[in-house]
Amino acid sequence: MARRPDRIRIEVLGLAEAKTAEDAFRPSDDAIRSIARLIGRQMAREQFERARALERKQARQNRSGPMR
């Protein structure tokens, strides 16, 4: 299987290695945003699939119509 280019690499600098407080938290903020984006996409995908399943179910019911 080919390597996925969307892998997330998380690097967190220690406070002693960072020149400013902003530098210390920047990599972890980027990682958190990436994870949040992935979670959001998954939630949207699941919501879309639920809506599509409901549409398919309603279409099946409408096609079958009332039985006599």
C-alpha atoms as a PDB file:
ATOM      1  CA  MET A   1       0.000   0.000   0.000  1.00  0.00           C
ATOM      2  CA  ALA A   2       1.321   3.442  -0.879  1.00  0.00           C
ATOM      3  CA  ARG A   3       2.313   5.814   1.862  1.00  0.00           C
ATOM      4  CA  ARG A   4      -0.391   8.315   2.667  1.00  0.00           C
ATOM      5  CA  PRO A   5       0.734  11.916   2.180  1.00  0.00           C
ATOM      6  CA  ASP A   6      -1.736  13.275   4.743  1.00  0.00           C
ATOM      7  CA  ARG A   7      -0.001  11.799   7.769  1.00  0.00           C
ATOM      8  CA  ILE A   8       0.376  14.169  10.682  1.00  0.00           C
ATOM      9  CA  ARG A   9       3.709  14.570  12.336  1.00  0.00           C
ATOM     10  CA  ILE A  10       3.514  16.007  15.824  1.00  0.00           C
ATOM     11  CA  GLU A  11       6.544  17.709  17.265  1.00  0.00           C
ATOM     12  CA  VAL A  12       6.330  19.575  20.533  1.00  0.00           C
ATOM     13  CA  LEU A  13       9.176  21.783  21.647  1.00  0.00           C
ATOM     14  CA  GLY A  14      10.013  22.026  25.289  1.00  0.00           C
ATOM     15  CA  LEU A  15       9.885  25.470  26.848  1.00  0.00           C
ATOM     16  CA  ALA A  16      13.668  25.479  27.283  1.00  0.00           C
ATOM     17  CA  GLU A  17      14.164  24.901  23.532  1.00  0.00           C
ATOM     18  CA  ALA A  18      11.689  27.585  22.455  1.00  0.00           C
ATOM     19  CA  LYS A  19      12.722  31.202  22.153  1.00  0.00           C
ATOM     20  CA  THR A  20       9.274  32.542  23.026  1.00  0.00           C
ATOM     21  CA  ALA A  21       6.133  31.139  24.575  1.00  0.00           C
ATOM     22  CA  GLU A  22       4.450  31.397  21.180  1.00  0.00           C
ATOM     23  CA  ASP A  23       7.132  29.182  19.631  1.00  0.00           C
ATOM     24  CA  ALA A  24       6.624  26.632  22.400  1.00  0.00           C
ATOM     25  CA  PHE A  25       2.932  26.145  21.643  1.00  0.00           C
ATOM     26  CA  ARG A  26       2.830  26.628  17.861  1.00  0.00           C
ATOM     27  CA  PRO A  27       3.564  22.993  16.811  1.00  0.00           C
ATOM     28  CA  SER A  28       1.056  21.568  19.267  1.00  0.00           C
ATOM     29  CA  ASP A  29      -1.572  24.117  18.128  1.00  0.00           C
ATOM     30  CA  ASP A  30      -1.037  23.039  14.532  1.00  0.00           C
ATOM     31  CA  ALA A  31      -1.399  19.388  15.523  1.00  0.00           C
ATOM     32  CA  ILE A  32      -4.589  20.111  17.466  1.00  0.00           C
ATOM     33  CA  ARG A  33      -6.062  21.957  14.493  1.00  0.00           C
ATOM     34  CA  SER A  34      -5.180  19.079  12.186  1.00  0.00           C
ATOM     35  CA  ILE A  35      -6.791  16.550  14.503  1.00  0.00           C
ATOM     36  CA  ALA A  36      -9.884  18.745  14.905  1.00  0.00           C
ATOM     37  CA  ARG A  37     -10.163  19.049  11.115  1.00  0.00           C
ATOM     38  CA  LEU A  38      -9.946  15.261  10.708  1.00  0.00           C
ATOM     39  CA  ILE A  39     -12.589  14.718  13.380  1.00  0.00           C
ATOM     40  CA  GLY A  40     -14.841  17.319  11.762  1.00  0.00           C
ATOM     41  CA  ARG A  41     -14.509  15.661   8.369  1.00  0.00           C
ATOM     42  CA  GLN A  42     -15.366  12.273   9.855  1.00  0.00           C
ATOM     43  CA  MET A  43     -18.428  13.694  11.598  1.00  0.00           C
ATOM     44  CA  ALA A  44     -19.588  15.346   8.355  1.00  0.00           C
ATOM     45  CA  ARG A  45     -19.025  12.109   6.433  1.00  0.00           C
ATOM     46  CA  GLU A  46     -21.090  10.131   8.949  1.00  0.00           C
ATOM     47  CA  GLN A  47     -23.880  12.721   8.916  1.00  0.00           C
ATOM     48  CA  PHE A  48     -23.944  12.659   5.104  1.00  0.00           C
ATOM     49  CA  GLU A  49     -24.129   8.858   5.065  1.00  0.00           C
ATOM     50  CA  ARG A  50     -27.016   8.872   7.563  1.00  0.00           C
ATOM     51  CA  ALA A  51     -28.910  11.389   5.405  1.00  0.00           C
ATOM     52  CA  ARG A  52     -28.295   9.324   2.260  1.00  0.00           C
ATOM     53  CA  ALA A  53     -29.486   6.151   4.010  1.00  0.00           C
ATOM     54  CA  LEU A  54     -32.673   7.920   5.103  1.00  0.00           C
ATOM     55  CA  GLU A  55     -33.270   9.163   1.543  1.00  0.00           C
ATOM     56  CA  ARG A  56     -32.795   5.651   0.165  1.00  0.00           C
ATOM     57  CA  LYS A  57     -35.175   4.234   2.758  1.00  0.00           C
ATOM     58  CA  GLN A  58     -37.841   6.805   1.924  1.00  0.00           C
ATOM     59  CA  ALA A  59     -37.386   6.202  -1.808  1.00  0.00           C
ATOM     60  CA  ARG A  60     -37.878   2.454  -1.306  1.00  0.00           C
ATOM     61  CA  GLN A  61     -41.033   3.071   0.700  1.00  0.00           C
ATOM     62  CA  ASN A  62     -42.411   5.457  -1.931  1.00  0.00           C
ATOM     63  CA  ARG A  63     -41.718   2.986  -4.763  1.00  0.00           C
ATOM     64  CA  SER A  64     -43.463   0.129  -3.014  1.00  0.00           C
ATOM     65  CA  GLY A  65     -46.589   2.204  -2.386  1.00  0.00           C
ATOM     66  CA  PRO A  66     -49.600   0.994  -0.426  1.00  0.00           C
ATOM     67  CA  MET A  67     -50.378  -2.677  -0.814  1.00  0.00           C
ATOM     68  CA  ARG A  68     -53.988  -3.807  -1.338  1.00  0.00           C
END
